[in-house]
Amino acid sequence: MASELKSLSIYSETGIAKQTANTDYKIGIAVSEWNQEITANLAEAAIDTLKKYGFNNKDILLKSVPGSFELAQAAQYMIKYGRVDAVICLGCVIQGETKHFDYVCSGITQGIMSVNLDTGVPVAFGILTTNNQQQALDRAGGKHGNKGVEATVAALKMIQIKNDLIKSAKI
């Protein structure tokens, strides 16, 4: 959880495969076009983090969707048709004057969780749900780090956990 005392970009590398470049992993990134000044920063950080762990452009499937509500369906498409090992969903929903914010955030959360559970493929939640633009900027490369990094690390760790459990089940 983000706070003023912790940057989202600081994480433990425990559980992240050191030689992901030697694997055939393919990672999907679904990024919302809504609030693009924020989501572009999230996507750039996600790509940079993947490259830090040895991924090349050919290993990354990047797709834009109209808004954050469409991220779960994009993740589902990437898993089914893009044959990815994980999907990183990146978006930003900023509180407005109506309840629309609550419905959209709830739908996004439930949708992404459903894709996770229904497919067994890790889908990382990199969605900013903030009260204002400044809070979003603070979490997209500002004083609270970058949620794109955090979501990418979560996806990589979940791939490793899944693979470790599959290996141990074969013993």
Protein backbone atom coordinates (compact mmCIF):
# COMPACT_ATOMS: atom_id res chain seq x y z
CA MET A 1 0.00 0.00 0.00
CA ALA A 2 1.33 3.42 -0.90
CA SER A 3 2.07 5.98 1.74
CA GLU A 4 4.14 9.08 2.05
CA LEU A 5 6.82 6.97 3.74
CA LYS A 6 7.15 4.32 1.04
CA SER A 7 7.90 4.56 -2.65
CA LEU A 8 6.01 2.07 -4.77
CA SER A 9 9.12 1.55 -6.85
CA ILE A 10 11.14 0.06 -3.98
CA TYR A 11 10.64 -3.69 -3.83
CA SER A 12 12.32 -6.90 -2.89
CA GLU A 13 13.76 -8.90 -5.77
CA THR A 14 13.14 -12.11 -3.83
CA GLY A 15 11.02 -14.43 -5.93
CA ILE A 16 11.81 -12.79 -9.26
CA ALA A 17 13.54 -15.10 -11.71
CA LYS A 18 17.05 -13.81 -12.29
CA GLN A 19 17.34 -15.10 -15.84
CA THR A 20 13.99 -14.30 -17.40
CA ALA A 21 15.80 -13.63 -20.67
CA ASN A 22 16.53 -17.36 -20.91
CA THR A 23 12.85 -18.22 -20.82
CA ASP A 24 10.10 -18.04 -23.36
CA TYR A 25 7.94 -15.79 -21.19
CA LYS A 26 5.68 -13.38 -22.99
CA ILE A 27 4.14 -10.53 -21.00
CA GLY A 28 1.08 -8.55 -21.99
CA ILE A 29 0.60 -4.94 -21.00
CA ALA A 30 -2.90 -3.50 -21.33
CA VAL A 31 -2.90 0.26 -20.83
CA SER A 32 -5.83 2.65 -20.71
CA GLU A 33 -5.92 5.61 -23.09
CA TRP A 34 -8.04 7.54 -20.58
CA ASN A 35 -5.81 9.82 -18.45
CA GLN A 36 -3.02 9.08 -20.92
CA GLU A 37 -0.64 11.60 -19.36
CA ILE A 38 -0.64 9.28 -16.34
CA THR A 39 -0.97 5.87 -17.98
CA ALA A 40 1.86 6.52 -20.44
CA ASN A 41 4.20 6.94 -17.45
CA LEU A 42 2.91 3.69 -15.95
CA ALA A 43 3.47 1.82 -19.23
CA GLU A 44 6.97 3.22 -19.69
CA ALA A 45 7.93 2.12 -16.16
CA ALA A 46 6.47 -1.36 -16.76
CA ILE A 47 8.45 -1.78 -19.98
CA ASP A 48 11.64 -0.49 -18.35
CA THR A 49 11.21 -2.96 -15.48
CA LEU A 50 10.66 -5.87 -17.87
CA LYS A 51 13.78 -4.90 -19.80
CA LYS A 52 15.71 -4.78 -16.50
CA TYR A 53 14.88 -8.47 -16.15
CA GLY A 54 15.98 -9.38 -19.66
CA PHE A 55 12.77 -9.08 -21.66
CA ASN A 56 13.03 -7.83 -25.23
CA ASN A 57 10.41 -5.97 -27.28
CA LYS A 58 9.39 -9.27 -28.89
CA ASP A 59 8.56 -10.63 -25.41
CA ILE A 60 6.16 -7.76 -24.66
CA LEU A 61 2.66 -7.46 -26.10
CA LEU A 62 1.51 -3.86 -25.56
CA LYS A 63 -2.11 -2.93 -26.28
CA SER A 64 -4.06 0.23 -25.59
CA VAL A 65 -7.71 0.16 -24.58
CA PRO A 66 -10.19 3.05 -24.51
CA GLY A 67 -10.55 3.20 -20.72
CA SER A 68 -9.72 1.36 -17.52
CA PHE A 69 -13.05 -0.48 -17.54
CA GLU A 70 -11.91 -2.36 -20.68
CA LEU A 71 -8.67 -3.63 -19.11
CA ALA A 72 -10.08 -6.95 -17.86
CA GLN A 73 -11.41 -7.87 -21.27
CA ALA A 74 -8.12 -6.87 -22.90
CA ALA A 75 -6.30 -9.12 -20.41
CA GLN A 76 -8.63 -11.97 -21.28
CA TYR A 77 -8.00 -11.45 -25.01
CA MET A 78 -4.22 -11.33 -24.47
CA ILE A 79 -4.32 -14.60 -22.56
CA LYS A 80 -6.53 -16.35 -25.09
CA TYR A 81 -5.13 -14.99 -28.35
CA GLY A 82 -1.72 -13.56 -27.40
CA ARG A 83 -0.67 -16.60 -25.37
CA VAL A 84 0.95 -14.48 -22.65
CA ASP A 85 2.30 -15.77 -19.34
CA ALA A 86 1.04 -12.73 -17.43
CA VAL A 87 -0.77 -9.47 -18.09
CA ILE A 88 -0.08 -6.12 -16.48
CA CYS A 89 -3.18 -3.91 -16.44
CA LEU A 90 -2.43 -0.19 -16.18
CA GLY A 91 -5.01 2.54 -15.76
CA CYS A 92 -6.04 5.62 -13.85
CA VAL A 93 -9.46 6.57 -12.53
CA ILE A 94 -9.73 9.96 -10.86
CA GLN A 95 -12.65 10.75 -8.53
CA GLY A 96 -15.29 12.99 -10.06
CA GLU A 97 -18.45 14.53 -8.72
CA THR A 98 -20.68 11.49 -9.29
CA LYS A 99 -20.82 7.84 -8.20
CA HIS A 100 -19.44 6.84 -11.62
CA PHE A 101 -15.99 6.52 -9.99
CA ASP A 102 -17.25 3.90 -7.52
CA TYR A 103 -18.94 1.78 -10.19
CA VAL A 104 -15.99 1.92 -12.56
CA CYS A 105 -13.44 1.06 -9.85
CA SER A 106 -15.57 -1.81 -8.58
CA GLY A 107 -16.04 -3.20 -12.09
CA ILE A 108 -12.33 -2.98 -12.88
CA THR A 109 -11.36 -4.74 -9.66
CA GLN A 110 -13.90 -7.52 -10.05
CA GLY A 111 -13.11 -7.94 -13.74
CA ILE A 112 -9.38 -8.29 -13.24
CA MET A 113 -9.84 -10.69 -10.33
CA SER A 114 -12.21 -12.81 -12.43
CA VAL A 115 -9.68 -13.08 -15.25
CA ASN A 116 -7.01 -14.06 -12.71
CA LEU A 117 -9.11 -16.82 -11.20
CA ASP A 118 -10.81 -18.03 -14.38
CA THR A 119 -7.62 -18.37 -16.43
CA GLY A 120 -4.95 -19.16 -13.84
CA VAL A 121 -2.71 -16.62 -15.57
CA PRO A 122 -1.37 -13.80 -13.39
CA VAL A 123 -3.04 -10.46 -14.11
CA ALA A 124 -1.44 -7.61 -12.19
CA PHE A 125 -3.53 -4.71 -10.94
CA GLY A 126 -1.77 -1.46 -11.83
CA ILE A 127 -4.79 0.81 -11.57
CA LEU A 128 -4.56 4.15 -9.83
CA THR A 129 -7.78 5.16 -8.08
CA THR A 130 -7.14 8.65 -6.81
CA ASN A 131 -9.03 11.67 -5.57
CA ASN A 132 -7.26 14.09 -7.89
CA GLN A 133 -4.71 14.52 -10.67
CA GLN A 134 -1.84 15.30 -8.29
CA GLN A 135 -2.28 12.03 -6.40
CA ALA A 136 -2.15 10.20 -9.74
CA LEU A 137 1.03 12.03 -10.79
CA ASP A 138 2.61 11.20 -7.41
CA ARG A 139 2.01 7.48 -8.12
CA ALA A 140 3.04 7.54 -11.78
CA GLY A 141 6.67 8.52 -11.32
CA GLY A 142 6.32 11.15 -8.59
CA LYS A 143 7.04 11.09 -4.88
CA HIS A 144 5.31 7.72 -4.36
CA GLY A 145 7.23 5.94 -7.11
CA ASN A 146 5.49 4.30 -10.05
CA LYS A 147 2.62 1.81 -9.88
CA GLY A 148 3.77 0.47 -13.28
CA VAL A 149 6.93 -0.86 -11.61
CA GLU A 150 4.94 -2.36 -8.72
CA ALA A 151 2.45 -4.13 -11.02
CA THR A 152 5.26 -5.50 -13.19
CA VAL A 153 7.14 -6.87 -10.20
CA ALA A 154 3.92 -8.46 -8.95
CA ALA A 155 3.37 -10.15 -12.33
CA LEU A 156 6.92 -11.50 -12.44
CA LYS A 157 6.71 -12.79 -8.88
CA MET A 158 3.40 -14.53 -9.60
CA ILE A 159 4.88 -16.24 -12.68
CA GLN A 160 7.73 -17.49 -10.51
CA ILE A 161 5.38 -18.70 -7.75
CA LYS A 162 3.22 -20.53 -10.29
CA ASN A 163 6.24 -22.15 -11.95
CA ASP A 164 7.78 -23.15 -8.60
CA LEU A 165 4.53 -24.82 -7.54
CA ILE A 166 4.17 -26.62 -10.87
CA LYS A 167 7.73 -27.95 -10.54
CA SER A 168 7.22 -29.09 -6.97
CA ALA A 169 3.95 -30.85 -7.88
CA LYS A 170 5.86 -33.00 -10.42
CA ILE A 171 8.20 -34.41 -7.79
